[in-house]
Amino acid sequence: MECRELEITLISAQNLENVRNFFKKRVRLYAKISLGGNLRTQNTTPVDKEGQTHPVWNFTAVYTVGKNAVKSHEIKLLIQFFCVRMSQETNIGELNLSLAEKYVGRGPS
């Protein structure tokens, strides 16, 4: 099976929800990147402790995916954003992207 290497760099996010308003504490945010929510493909950014609702990670994750899987809309990139509080995490949003929309019609087939 022919494969492609997919390199995703999550640089930053902007205007994420501030779920810490009540306690007036600093927001500590991180993101989880996976292919279709599969835990085996999950990568986690470091926690940003300075950016508040505008975190900066500059984090790269690399995946190898089958060319046919990408073209047939089987694979989606899931990016979930979390706020850290003591020992728990709160999901504050997510982004689900079809890889086929980015790959079809581009580069060598």
C-alpha atoms as a PDB file:
ATOM      1  CA  MET A   1       0.000   0.000   0.000  1.00  0.00           C
ATOM      2  CA  GLU A   2       1.298   3.413  -0.942  1.00  0.00           C
ATOM      3  CA  CYS A   3       1.529   5.805   2.009  1.00  0.00           C
ATOM      4  CA  ARG A   4       2.007   9.490   2.571  1.00  0.00           C
ATOM      5  CA  GLU A   5       3.644  11.231   5.468  1.00  0.00           C
ATOM      6  CA  LEU A   6       1.441  13.844   7.053  1.00  0.00           C
ATOM      7  CA  GLU A   7       3.154  16.462   9.200  1.00  0.00           C
ATOM      8  CA  ILE A   8       0.871  18.707  11.236  1.00  0.00           C
ATOM      9  CA  THR A   9       2.255  21.722  13.084  1.00  0.00           C
ATOM     10  CA  LEU A  10      -0.128  23.268  15.564  1.00  0.00           C
ATOM     11  CA  ILE A  11       1.296  26.735  16.011  1.00  0.00           C
ATOM     12  CA  SER A  12      -1.318  28.516  18.106  1.00  0.00           C
ATOM     13  CA  ALA A  13      -4.996  29.205  18.750  1.00  0.00           C
ATOM     14  CA  GLN A  14      -6.861  32.433  19.283  1.00  0.00           C
ATOM     15  CA  ASN A  15      -9.889  33.519  21.293  1.00  0.00           C
ATOM     16  CA  LEU A  16     -10.489  30.201  23.032  1.00  0.00           C
ATOM     17  CA  GLU A  17     -13.160  30.175  25.720  1.00  0.00           C
ATOM     18  CA  ASN A  18     -11.958  31.308  29.136  1.00  0.00           C
ATOM     19  CA  VAL A  19     -13.444  28.720  31.471  1.00  0.00           C
ATOM     20  CA  ARG A  20     -11.545  30.138  34.456  1.00  0.00           C
ATOM     21  CA  ASN A  21     -13.394  33.481  34.778  1.00  0.00           C
ATOM     22  CA  PHE A  22     -14.958  32.569  38.110  1.00  0.00           C
ATOM     23  CA  PHE A  23     -11.673  31.821  39.866  1.00  0.00           C
ATOM     24  CA  LYS A  24      -9.629  34.563  38.134  1.00  0.00           C
ATOM     25  CA  LYS A  25      -6.726  32.169  37.695  1.00  0.00           C
ATOM     26  CA  ARG A  26      -4.479  31.800  34.690  1.00  0.00           C
ATOM     27  CA  VAL A  27      -5.786  29.616  31.912  1.00  0.00           C
ATOM     28  CA  ARG A  28      -3.525  26.659  31.095  1.00  0.00           C
ATOM     29  CA  LEU A  29      -4.380  25.181  27.703  1.00  0.00           C
ATOM     30  CA  TYR A  30      -3.212  22.268  25.593  1.00  0.00           C
ATOM     31  CA  ALA A  31      -4.412  20.386  22.524  1.00  0.00           C
ATOM     32  CA  LYS A  32      -4.756  16.741  21.513  1.00  0.00           C
ATOM     33  CA  ILE A  33      -4.275  15.846  17.853  1.00  0.00           C
ATOM     34  CA  SER A  34      -5.433  12.504  16.469  1.00  0.00           C
ATOM     35  CA  LEU A  35      -6.633  10.801  13.331  1.00  0.00           C
ATOM     36  CA  GLY A  36     -10.375  10.336  13.722  1.00  0.00           C
ATOM     37  CA  GLY A  37     -10.165  10.374  17.513  1.00  0.00           C
ATOM     38  CA  ASN A  38      -8.167   7.122  17.563  1.00  0.00           C
ATOM     39  CA  LEU A  39      -6.224   7.056  20.851  1.00  0.00           C
ATOM     40  CA  ARG A  40      -3.345   5.119  19.224  1.00  0.00           C
ATOM     41  CA  THR A  41      -2.683   8.115  16.962  1.00  0.00           C
ATOM     42  CA  GLN A  42      -3.094  10.772  19.635  1.00  0.00           C
ATOM     43  CA  ASN A  43      -0.382  13.359  20.242  1.00  0.00           C
ATOM     44  CA  THR A  44      -0.588  15.988  22.985  1.00  0.00           C
ATOM     45  CA  THR A  45       0.941  19.453  22.935  1.00  0.00           C
ATOM     46  CA  PRO A  46       2.726  20.845  25.963  1.00  0.00           C
ATOM     47  CA  VAL A  47       0.548  22.964  28.259  1.00  0.00           C
ATOM     48  CA  ASP A  48       0.708  26.674  27.451  1.00  0.00           C
ATOM     49  CA  LYS A  49       0.806  28.566  30.760  1.00  0.00           C
ATOM     50  CA  GLU A  50       1.389  32.085  29.439  1.00  0.00           C
ATOM     51  CA  GLY A  51      -0.903  32.718  26.468  1.00  0.00           C
ATOM     52  CA  GLN A  52      -4.216  32.609  28.326  1.00  0.00           C
ATOM     53  CA  THR A  53      -6.964  32.313  25.657  1.00  0.00           C
ATOM     54  CA  HIS A  54      -4.362  32.731  22.883  1.00  0.00           C
ATOM     55  CA  PRO A  55      -2.047  29.736  23.489  1.00  0.00           C
ATOM     56  CA  VAL A  56       1.125  29.132  21.476  1.00  0.00           C
ATOM     57  CA  TRP A  57       2.464  25.590  21.081  1.00  0.00           C
ATOM     58  CA  ASN A  58       4.492  25.304  17.863  1.00  0.00           C
ATOM     59  CA  PHE A  59       4.054  21.523  18.192  1.00  0.00           C
ATOM     60  CA  THR A  60       4.554  19.060  15.321  1.00  0.00           C
ATOM     61  CA  ALA A  61       2.949  15.634  14.980  1.00  0.00           C
ATOM     62  CA  VAL A  62       3.852  13.227  12.148  1.00  0.00           C
ATOM     63  CA  TYR A  63       1.560  10.499  10.798  1.00  0.00           C
ATOM     64  CA  THR A  64       1.841   7.936   8.020  1.00  0.00           C
ATOM     65  CA  VAL A  65      -1.443   7.388   6.206  1.00  0.00           C
ATOM     66  CA  GLY A  66      -2.446   5.251   3.249  1.00  0.00           C
ATOM     67  CA  LYS A  67      -2.970   7.260   0.071  1.00  0.00           C
ATOM     68  CA  ASN A  68      -6.289   5.549  -0.683  1.00  0.00           C
ATOM     69  CA  ALA A  69      -7.590   6.193   2.831  1.00  0.00           C
ATOM     70  CA  VAL A  70      -6.955   9.901   2.426  1.00  0.00           C
ATOM     71  CA  LYS A  71      -8.680  10.090  -0.961  1.00  0.00           C
ATOM     72  CA  SER A  72     -11.774   8.204   0.190  1.00  0.00           C
ATOM     73  CA  HIS A  73     -12.577  10.565   3.086  1.00  0.00           C
ATOM     74  CA  GLU A  74     -11.911   7.795   5.633  1.00  0.00           C
ATOM     75  CA  ILE A  75      -9.393   9.812   7.633  1.00  0.00           C
ATOM     76  CA  LYS A  76     -10.176  12.999   9.508  1.00  0.00           C
ATOM     77  CA  LEU A  77      -7.856  15.065  11.648  1.00  0.00           C
ATOM     78  CA  LEU A  78      -9.308  15.809  15.075  1.00  0.00           C
ATOM     79  CA  ILE A  79      -7.866  18.639  17.175  1.00  0.00           C
ATOM     80  CA  GLN A  80      -9.345  19.020  20.658  1.00  0.00           C
ATOM     81  CA  PHE A  81      -8.590  21.916  23.001  1.00  0.00           C
ATOM     82  CA  PHE A  82      -8.466  21.440  26.770  1.00  0.00           C
ATOM     83  CA  CYS A  83      -8.116  23.573  29.872  1.00  0.00           C
ATOM     84  CA  VAL A  84      -6.170  22.082  32.786  1.00  0.00           C
ATOM     85  CA  ARG A  85      -7.557  22.488  36.294  1.00  0.00           C
ATOM     86  CA  MET A  86      -5.817  20.782  39.181  1.00  0.00           C
ATOM     87  CA  SER A  87      -6.243  17.092  38.281  1.00  0.00           C
ATOM     88  CA  GLN A  88      -9.006  17.409  35.703  1.00  0.00           C
ATOM     89  CA  GLU A  89      -9.306  18.623  32.134  1.00  0.00           C
ATOM     90  CA  THR A  90     -12.174  20.460  30.469  1.00  0.00           C
ATOM     91  CA  ASN A  91     -12.788  20.138  26.729  1.00  0.00           C
ATOM     92  CA  ILE A  92     -13.383  23.671  25.471  1.00  0.00           C
ATOM     93  CA  GLY A  93     -13.642  22.984  21.755  1.00  0.00           C
ATOM     94  CA  GLU A  94     -12.568  20.913  18.804  1.00  0.00           C
ATOM     95  CA  LEU A  95     -11.844  21.047  15.106  1.00  0.00           C
ATOM     96  CA  ASN A  96     -12.544  18.137  12.730  1.00  0.00           C
ATOM     97  CA  LEU A  97     -10.875  18.353   9.283  1.00  0.00           C
ATOM     98  CA  SER A  98     -11.187  16.045   6.296  1.00  0.00           C
ATOM     99  CA  LEU A  99      -7.754  15.213   4.928  1.00  0.00           C
ATOM    100  CA  ALA A 100      -9.222  14.424   1.493  1.00  0.00           C
ATOM    101  CA  GLU A 101     -10.143  18.084   1.020  1.00  0.00           C
ATOM    102  CA  LYS A 102      -6.473  19.002   1.529  1.00  0.00           C
ATOM    103  CA  TYR A 103      -4.895  16.190  -0.521  1.00  0.00           C
ATOM    104  CA  VAL A 104      -7.186  15.380  -3.479  1.00  0.00           C
ATOM    105  CA  GLY A 105      -5.898  16.926  -6.668  1.00  0.00           C
ATOM    106  CA  ARG A 106      -2.518  17.913  -5.173  1.00  0.00           C
ATOM    107  CA  GLY A 107       0.892  16.480  -5.695  1.00  0.00           C
ATOM    108  CA  PRO A 108       1.781  13.108  -7.247  1.00  0.00           C
ATOM    109  CA  SER A 109      -1.054  10.595  -7.368  1.00  0.00           C
END
